[in-house]
Amino acid sequence: MATGADKNRSRIERERARVYRARQEFHASLQTRRRRDNVIAGVAGGILLLAVVGGQVAYYTAGPGAPVPTPSPSSTAPDVTPAPQDAPLDLPDSTENPTVAPTP
């Protein structure tokens, strides 16, 4: 009878060891899947972040959000007004204001 009990015990131990190994493999596969999913999510998030930043930069530098350049007076710009000797004389008409006399 001792041999029957030993066979039963070894069968139970083998089954327990098989279930334990299966749990370990399942847990290891979950860890690798989580790690893979985290890497994929990180790469996708980084690409999305770069796309958003690139879109903002493009919108505000070249798109409709770009500021309209306005001319501003600068000291280095050449003077486009005619020289005093080339300027036409502005003589007041008699109909404009007869009391104002031109200065010599």
N, C-alpha and C. Protein backbone atom coordinates (compact mmCIF):
# COMPACT_ATOMS: atom_id res chain seq x y z
N MET A 1 0.79 -1.18 0.00
CA MET A 1 0.00 0.00 0.00
C MET A 1 0.84 1.25 0.00
N ALA A 2 2.00 1.19 0.45
CA ALA A 2 2.86 2.36 0.49
C ALA A 2 3.19 2.82 -0.91
N THR A 3 3.27 1.92 -1.85
CA THR A 3 3.61 2.32 -3.21
C THR A 3 2.47 3.08 -3.85
N GLY A 4 1.24 2.74 -3.56
CA GLY A 4 0.09 3.45 -4.12
C GLY A 4 0.01 4.88 -3.60
N ALA A 5 0.30 5.07 -2.34
CA ALA A 5 0.25 6.41 -1.75
C ALA A 5 1.38 7.27 -2.30
N ASP A 6 2.58 6.65 -2.52
CA ASP A 6 3.70 7.41 -3.07
C ASP A 6 3.41 7.86 -4.50
N LYS A 7 2.76 6.96 -5.28
CA LYS A 7 2.43 7.32 -6.66
C LYS A 7 1.43 8.47 -6.68
N ASN A 8 0.47 8.42 -5.79
CA ASN A 8 -0.55 9.47 -5.72
C ASN A 8 0.08 10.80 -5.29
N ARG A 9 0.98 10.73 -4.33
CA ARG A 9 1.63 11.93 -3.84
C ARG A 9 2.53 12.53 -4.93
N SER A 10 3.27 11.70 -5.64
CA SER A 10 4.15 12.22 -6.69
C SER A 10 3.31 12.80 -7.84
N ARG A 11 2.16 12.19 -8.12
CA ARG A 11 1.29 12.73 -9.15
C ARG A 11 0.76 14.11 -8.73
N ILE A 12 0.39 14.26 -7.49
CA ILE A 12 -0.11 15.54 -6.98
C ILE A 12 1.01 16.59 -7.00
N GLU A 13 2.24 16.16 -6.62
CA GLU A 13 3.37 17.09 -6.64
C GLU A 13 3.71 17.52 -8.07
N ARG A 14 3.64 16.61 -9.01
CA ARG A 14 3.90 16.95 -10.42
C ARG A 14 2.84 17.93 -10.92
N GLU A 15 1.60 17.70 -10.57
CA GLU A 15 0.51 18.59 -10.99
C GLU A 15 0.70 19.98 -10.36
N ARG A 16 1.05 20.01 -9.10
CA ARG A 16 1.28 21.27 -8.42
C ARG A 16 2.46 22.02 -9.04
N ALA A 17 3.52 21.34 -9.37
CA ALA A 17 4.68 21.95 -10.01
C ALA A 17 4.31 22.47 -11.41
N ARG A 18 3.51 21.71 -12.15
CA ARG A 18 3.08 22.13 -13.49
C ARG A 18 2.24 23.41 -13.40
N VAL A 19 1.32 23.47 -12.45
CA VAL A 19 0.48 24.65 -12.29
C VAL A 19 1.34 25.85 -11.85
N TYR A 20 2.32 25.61 -11.00
CA TYR A 20 3.20 26.68 -10.54
C TYR A 20 4.01 27.25 -11.71
N ARG A 21 4.59 26.37 -12.54
CA ARG A 21 5.34 26.82 -13.71
C ARG A 21 4.44 27.57 -14.69
N ALA A 22 3.21 27.09 -14.84
CA ALA A 22 2.28 27.77 -15.74
C ALA A 22 1.97 29.17 -15.22
N ARG A 23 1.80 29.32 -13.92
CA ARG A 23 1.57 30.65 -13.34
C ARG A 23 2.78 31.55 -13.53
N GLN A 24 3.97 31.01 -13.32
CA GLN A 24 5.18 31.81 -13.52
C GLN A 24 5.30 32.27 -14.97
N GLU A 25 5.05 31.38 -15.92
CA GLU A 25 5.13 31.75 -17.34
C GLU A 25 4.06 32.80 -17.69
N PHE A 26 2.86 32.62 -17.15
CA PHE A 26 1.79 33.58 -17.41
C PHE A 26 2.16 34.95 -16.86
N HIS A 27 2.70 34.98 -15.64
CA HIS A 27 3.11 36.24 -15.03
C HIS A 27 4.24 36.89 -15.82
N ALA A 28 5.20 36.11 -16.27
CA ALA A 28 6.30 36.64 -17.07
C ALA A 28 5.78 37.20 -18.40
N SER A 29 4.82 36.51 -19.01
CA SER A 29 4.28 37.01 -20.28
C SER A 29 3.50 38.31 -20.06
N LEU A 30 2.81 38.42 -18.91
CA LEU A 30 2.13 39.68 -18.61
C LEU A 30 3.12 40.83 -18.43
N GLN A 31 4.23 40.55 -17.77
CA GLN A 31 5.24 41.59 -17.58
C GLN A 31 5.83 42.05 -18.90
N THR A 32 6.13 41.12 -19.79
CA THR A 32 6.69 41.52 -21.09
C THR A 32 5.66 42.28 -21.92
N ARG A 33 4.40 41.87 -21.83
CA ARG A 33 3.37 42.58 -22.58
C ARG A 33 3.19 44.00 -22.04
N ARG A 34 3.18 44.15 -20.73
CA ARG A 34 3.06 45.48 -20.14
C ARG A 34 4.24 46.37 -20.54
N ARG A 35 5.43 45.79 -20.50
CA ARG A 35 6.62 46.55 -20.88
C ARG A 35 6.52 46.98 -22.35
N ARG A 36 6.12 46.06 -23.22
CA ARG A 36 5.97 46.37 -24.64
C ARG A 36 4.90 47.45 -24.85
N ASP A 37 3.78 47.32 -24.16
CA ASP A 37 2.72 48.32 -24.28
C ASP A 37 3.18 49.69 -23.80
N ASN A 38 3.97 49.72 -22.73
CA ASN A 38 4.48 51.00 -22.22
C ASN A 38 5.45 51.64 -23.21
N VAL A 39 6.29 50.82 -23.84
CA VAL A 39 7.22 51.36 -24.83
C VAL A 39 6.45 51.91 -26.03
N ILE A 40 5.46 51.18 -26.50
CA ILE A 40 4.66 51.63 -27.64
C ILE A 40 3.93 52.93 -27.29
N ALA A 41 3.35 52.99 -26.10
CA ALA A 41 2.64 54.20 -25.67
C ALA A 41 3.60 55.38 -25.54
N GLY A 42 4.79 55.15 -25.03
CA GLY A 42 5.77 56.22 -24.90
C GLY A 42 6.22 56.75 -26.25
N VAL A 43 6.48 55.85 -27.18
CA VAL A 43 6.90 56.28 -28.52
C VAL A 43 5.76 57.02 -29.21
N ALA A 44 4.56 56.50 -29.13
CA ALA A 44 3.41 57.16 -29.75
C ALA A 44 3.15 58.53 -29.11
N GLY A 45 3.27 58.62 -27.81
CA GLY A 45 3.10 59.90 -27.12
C GLY A 45 4.16 60.90 -27.51
N GLY A 46 5.40 60.44 -27.65
CA GLY A 46 6.48 61.33 -28.09
C GLY A 46 6.26 61.84 -29.50
N ILE A 47 5.82 60.95 -30.39
CA ILE A 47 5.52 61.36 -31.77
C ILE A 47 4.37 62.35 -31.79
N LEU A 48 3.35 62.09 -31.00
CA LEU A 48 2.21 63.01 -30.93
C LEU A 48 2.63 64.37 -30.39
N LEU A 49 3.47 64.37 -29.38
CA LEU A 49 3.95 65.63 -28.81
C LEU A 49 4.77 66.41 -29.84
N LEU A 50 5.65 65.72 -30.57
CA LEU A 50 6.43 66.40 -31.61
C LEU A 50 5.53 66.95 -32.71
N ALA A 51 4.49 66.20 -33.07
CA ALA A 51 3.57 66.67 -34.11
C ALA A 51 2.81 67.91 -33.65
N VAL A 52 2.39 67.92 -32.41
CA VAL A 52 1.66 69.09 -31.88
C VAL A 52 2.57 70.31 -31.83
N VAL A 53 3.78 70.15 -31.34
CA VAL A 53 4.71 71.27 -31.27
C VAL A 53 5.07 71.75 -32.67
N GLY A 54 5.31 70.81 -33.58
CA GLY A 54 5.62 71.18 -34.96
C GLY A 54 4.47 71.91 -35.63
N GLY A 55 3.26 71.48 -35.37
CA GLY A 55 2.09 72.15 -35.92
C GLY A 55 1.94 73.56 -35.40
N GLN A 56 2.19 73.73 -34.11
CA GLN A 56 2.11 75.07 -33.52
C GLN A 56 3.17 75.99 -34.11
N VAL A 57 4.37 75.48 -34.24
CA VAL A 57 5.45 76.29 -34.80
C VAL A 57 5.13 76.67 -36.24
N ALA A 58 4.66 75.71 -37.02
CA ALA A 58 4.32 75.99 -38.42
C ALA A 58 3.16 76.98 -38.51
N TYR A 59 2.18 76.85 -37.66
CA TYR A 59 1.03 77.74 -37.69
C TYR A 59 1.43 79.18 -37.38
N TYR A 60 2.28 79.35 -36.38
CA TYR A 60 2.62 80.70 -35.95
C TYR A 60 3.80 81.30 -36.72
N THR A 61 4.50 80.52 -37.52
CA THR A 61 5.59 81.10 -38.30
C THR A 61 5.25 81.25 -39.77
N ALA A 62 4.47 80.34 -40.34
CA ALA A 62 4.20 80.41 -41.77
C ALA A 62 2.73 80.39 -42.10
N GLY A 63 1.89 80.05 -41.18
CA GLY A 63 0.47 79.90 -41.47
C GLY A 63 -0.32 81.15 -41.20
N PRO A 64 -1.62 81.00 -41.04
CA PRO A 64 -2.48 82.15 -40.81
C PRO A 64 -2.26 82.81 -39.45
N GLY A 65 -1.58 82.16 -38.56
CA GLY A 65 -1.31 82.76 -37.26
C GLY A 65 -0.07 83.63 -37.25
N ALA A 66 0.64 83.70 -38.39
CA ALA A 66 1.86 84.49 -38.45
C ALA A 66 1.52 85.97 -38.39
N PRO A 67 2.30 86.75 -37.67
CA PRO A 67 2.03 88.19 -37.60
C PRO A 67 2.31 88.84 -38.95
N VAL A 68 1.52 89.84 -39.27
CA VAL A 68 1.69 90.58 -40.51
C VAL A 68 2.82 91.57 -40.31
N PRO A 69 3.82 91.55 -41.19
CA PRO A 69 4.92 92.50 -41.00
C PRO A 69 4.46 93.92 -41.29
N THR A 70 4.79 94.80 -40.40
CA THR A 70 4.44 96.22 -40.57
C THR A 70 5.72 97.01 -40.67
N PRO A 71 5.79 97.96 -41.57
CA PRO A 71 7.02 98.75 -41.69
C PRO A 71 7.17 99.65 -40.47
N SER A 72 8.35 99.71 -39.99
CA SER A 72 8.62 100.56 -38.84
C SER A 72 9.73 101.52 -39.22
N PRO A 73 9.67 102.74 -38.73
CA PRO A 73 10.73 103.69 -39.08
C PRO A 73 12.04 103.26 -38.45
N SER A 74 13.08 103.37 -39.23
CA SER A 74 14.38 103.00 -38.69
C SER A 74 15.39 104.06 -39.12
N SER A 75 16.43 104.19 -38.39
CA SER A 75 17.44 105.20 -38.67
C SER A 75 18.33 104.77 -39.83
N THR A 76 18.35 103.52 -40.17
CA THR A 76 19.22 103.06 -41.24
C THR A 76 18.53 103.10 -42.59
N ALA A 77 17.23 103.36 -42.62
CA ALA A 77 16.52 103.40 -43.89
C ALA A 77 16.91 104.66 -44.64
N PRO A 78 17.09 104.59 -45.96
CA PRO A 78 17.47 105.78 -46.72
C PRO A 78 16.33 106.78 -46.74
N ASP A 79 16.67 108.04 -46.74
CA ASP A 79 15.67 109.10 -46.74
C ASP A 79 15.09 109.21 -48.14
N VAL A 80 13.78 109.00 -48.26
CA VAL A 80 13.14 109.04 -49.56
C VAL A 80 12.49 110.39 -49.84
N THR A 81 12.57 111.30 -48.90
CA THR A 81 12.00 112.63 -49.16
C THR A 81 12.94 113.40 -50.06
N PRO A 82 12.42 114.21 -50.96
CA PRO A 82 13.31 114.95 -51.86
C PRO A 82 14.10 116.01 -51.12
N ALA A 83 15.21 116.32 -51.66
CA ALA A 83 16.07 117.35 -51.07
C ALA A 83 15.35 118.69 -51.13
N PRO A 84 15.69 119.66 -50.25
CA PRO A 84 14.98 120.95 -50.24
C PRO A 84 15.04 121.69 -51.58
N GLN A 85 16.13 121.60 -52.30
CA GLN A 85 16.21 122.29 -53.57
C GLN A 85 15.35 121.60 -54.63
N ASP A 86 15.05 120.30 -54.47
CA ASP A 86 14.23 119.59 -55.44
C ASP A 86 12.75 119.62 -55.09
N ALA A 87 12.43 120.05 -53.90
CA ALA A 87 11.04 120.03 -53.47
C ALA A 87 10.25 121.14 -54.15
N PRO A 88 9.03 120.87 -54.57
CA PRO A 88 8.22 121.93 -55.18
C PRO A 88 7.76 122.92 -54.10
N LEU A 89 7.58 124.14 -54.51
CA LEU A 89 7.12 125.16 -53.58
C LEU A 89 5.63 125.04 -53.38
N ASP A 90 5.24 125.11 -52.14
CA ASP A 90 3.82 125.11 -51.82
C ASP A 90 3.39 126.55 -51.55
N LEU A 91 2.77 127.12 -52.51
CA LEU A 91 2.27 128.49 -52.34
C LEU A 91 0.79 128.41 -52.05
N PRO A 92 0.34 129.15 -51.06
CA PRO A 92 -1.08 129.08 -50.75
C PRO A 92 -1.91 129.74 -51.84
N ASP A 93 -3.03 129.12 -52.12
CA ASP A 93 -3.95 129.71 -53.07
C ASP A 93 -4.69 130.85 -52.40
N SER A 94 -5.20 131.73 -53.19
CA SER A 94 -5.94 132.86 -52.63
C SER A 94 -7.27 132.40 -52.05
N THR A 95 -7.76 131.24 -52.44
CA THR A 95 -9.04 130.76 -51.95
C THR A 95 -8.91 130.03 -50.63
N GLU A 96 -7.72 129.57 -50.30
CA GLU A 96 -7.55 128.78 -49.08
C GLU A 96 -7.68 129.64 -47.83
N ASN A 97 -6.76 130.55 -47.65
CA ASN A 97 -6.74 131.39 -46.47
C ASN A 97 -6.06 132.71 -46.86
N PRO A 98 -6.81 133.73 -47.16
CA PRO A 98 -6.19 134.96 -47.66
C PRO A 98 -5.39 135.71 -46.60
N THR A 99 -5.54 135.47 -45.33
CA THR A 99 -4.85 136.24 -44.30
C THR A 99 -3.46 135.72 -44.03
N VAL A 100 -3.16 134.50 -44.41
CA VAL A 100 -1.83 133.93 -44.13
C VAL A 100 -0.92 134.28 -45.29
N ALA A 101 0.20 134.88 -44.96
CA ALA A 101 1.17 135.24 -45.99
C ALA A 101 2.31 134.24 -45.94
N PRO A 102 2.88 133.91 -47.08
CA PRO A 102 4.01 132.97 -47.07
C PRO A 102 5.23 133.59 -46.41
N THR A 103 5.99 132.79 -45.74
CA THR A 103 7.21 133.28 -45.08
C THR A 103 8.34 133.33 -46.09
N PRO A 104 9.19 134.34 -45.98
CA PRO A 104 10.27 134.46 -46.94
C PRO A 104 11.35 133.41 -46.71
